[in-house]
Protein backbone atom coordinates (compact mmCIF):
# COMPACT_ATOMS: atom_id res chain seq x y z
CA MET A 1 -10.55 46.19 11.01
CA ARG A 2 -11.37 42.98 9.63
CA HIS A 3 -8.92 41.83 6.93
CA ARG A 4 -10.24 39.36 4.22
CA GLN A 5 -7.40 36.77 3.39
CA ARG A 6 -7.49 35.57 -0.17
CA LEU A 7 -7.76 31.84 -0.45
CA GLN A 8 -4.94 30.80 -2.86
CA VAL A 9 -6.28 29.33 -6.02
CA ILE A 10 -4.61 25.79 -6.42
CA PRO A 11 -4.10 24.32 -10.10
CA LEU A 12 -5.58 21.07 -10.66
CA GLU A 13 -2.70 19.28 -11.79
CA GLU A 14 -1.63 19.79 -7.87
CA LYS A 15 -4.88 18.51 -6.53
CA ILE A 16 -4.49 15.40 -8.46
CA ASP A 17 -0.79 15.04 -7.30
CA PHE A 18 -2.00 15.43 -4.16
CA VAL A 19 -4.55 13.23 -3.80
CA MET A 20 -2.52 10.58 -5.60
CA ARG A 21 -0.15 10.78 -3.53
CA VAL A 22 -1.80 10.75 -0.21
CA PHE A 23 -3.87 8.23 -1.19
CA GLY A 24 -3.72 4.42 0.36
CA PHE A 25 -3.68 2.29 -2.17
CA ASP A 26 -1.65 0.15 -0.48
CA LYS A 27 -4.33 -0.03 2.25
CA VAL A 28 -7.11 -0.63 -0.12
CA ARG A 29 -4.89 -3.90 -1.87
CA GLN A 30 -4.34 -5.39 1.92
CA VAL A 31 -8.23 -4.90 2.69
CA MET A 32 -9.49 -5.82 -0.77
CA GLU A 33 -6.58 -9.29 -0.04
CA HIS A 34 -8.23 -9.43 3.22
CA LEU A 35 -11.85 -9.95 1.68
CA HIS A 36 -10.91 -11.69 -1.70
CA TRP A 37 -11.61 -8.66 -3.43
CA THR A 38 -10.49 -9.35 -7.06
CA TRP A 39 -10.87 -8.13 -10.42
CA HIS A 40 -10.72 -9.70 -13.78
CA PHE A 41 -7.87 -9.21 -16.11
CA ASP A 42 -7.87 -11.15 -19.35
CA SER A 43 -10.69 -13.21 -17.68
CA GLN A 44 -8.58 -14.27 -14.65
CA PRO A 45 -9.93 -13.10 -11.51
CA ARG A 46 -7.22 -11.50 -9.04
CA THR A 47 -6.05 -8.60 -6.59
CA PRO A 48 -4.76 -5.49 -8.45
CA THR A 49 -1.27 -4.72 -7.83
CA VAL A 50 -1.25 -1.34 -6.18
CA ASP A 51 0.07 0.15 -9.87
CA GLU A 52 -2.93 -1.34 -11.37
CA LEU A 53 -4.87 0.43 -8.41
CA ARG A 54 -3.34 3.26 -8.95
CA GLU A 55 -3.52 3.52 -12.79
CA CYS A 56 -7.86 2.36 -12.00
CA ALA A 57 -8.15 5.98 -9.83
CA MET A 58 -6.09 7.87 -12.28
CA ARG A 59 -8.55 7.10 -14.42
CA HIS A 60 -11.43 7.97 -12.50
CA ILE A 61 -10.11 11.44 -11.77
CA LEU A 62 -9.15 12.08 -15.19
CA ALA A 63 -12.35 11.29 -16.48
CA VAL A 64 -14.53 13.50 -13.97
CA THR A 65 -11.79 16.61 -14.27
CA SER A 66 -11.58 16.36 -18.02
CA ARG A 67 -15.17 16.92 -19.07
CA PRO A 68 -17.65 20.42 -18.00
CA LEU A 69 -19.48 19.68 -14.65
CA SER A 70 -22.81 18.27 -15.03
CA SER A 71 -25.79 20.14 -14.20
CA LYS A 72 -25.79 19.12 -10.71
CA GLY A 73 -22.41 20.75 -10.48
CA PHE A 74 -20.72 17.84 -10.11
CA ASN A 75 -18.91 14.86 -11.75
CA TYR A 76 -18.47 11.75 -9.84
CA GLN A 77 -17.52 8.38 -11.39
CA LYS A 78 -16.90 4.65 -9.97
CA SER A 79 -16.46 1.53 -10.42
CA GLY A 80 -14.11 -1.04 -8.58
CA GLY A 81 -14.25 0.37 -5.29
CA PHE A 82 -12.81 3.75 -6.36
CA LYS A 83 -15.32 6.73 -6.47
CA ALA A 84 -13.57 10.15 -8.00
CA PHE A 85 -15.63 13.11 -7.23
CA TRP A 86 -15.22 16.98 -8.93
CA ASP A 87 -16.99 19.86 -8.38
CA GLY A 88 -14.54 22.59 -10.11
CA ASP A 89 -13.16 23.04 -6.68
CA LEU A 90 -13.03 20.13 -4.18
CA LEU A 91 -11.27 16.37 -6.12
CA GLU A 92 -11.98 13.85 -3.45
CA LEU A 93 -10.99 10.02 -4.51
CA THR A 94 -12.62 7.31 -2.08
CA PHE A 95 -12.69 3.58 -1.96
CA GLU A 96 -16.27 2.20 -0.81
CA LEU A 97 -17.10 -1.17 0.74
CA HIS A 98 -20.40 -0.19 0.90
CA ASP A 99 -23.11 2.35 0.55
CA ALA A 100 -26.70 2.93 1.01
CA TRP A 101 -28.47 5.98 0.65
CA TYR A 102 -32.44 7.75 0.19
CA CYS A 103 -33.73 10.86 -1.53
CA ASN A 104 -37.70 11.57 -0.97
CA GLN A 105 -36.73 13.23 -4.38
CA ARG A 106 -37.35 12.65 -7.85
CA VAL A 107 -33.92 11.41 -9.57
CA ASP A 108 -34.31 11.74 -13.00
């Protein structure tokens, strides 16, 4: 007889705390400095601090998790290199240097 394991439902707050704790904000800043990647603060370009990176990432996470899921079953938001993804279970934070994609289907 096979026993089914019950998956533990992790509260959203714990998922957010985990993602923010394990994400390599210091590595992102090092890469940004190496690439001379800047954001504009009061019209002055500069590389953001680790705290500013964390604040931006948290804004994206809260934006995707606080609204109802889209008709496609997920939310995402990206800017400044950060991309936050939420499908009601999976919470993902990435920092993208480059992306490309192709789709045969029409996107509305």
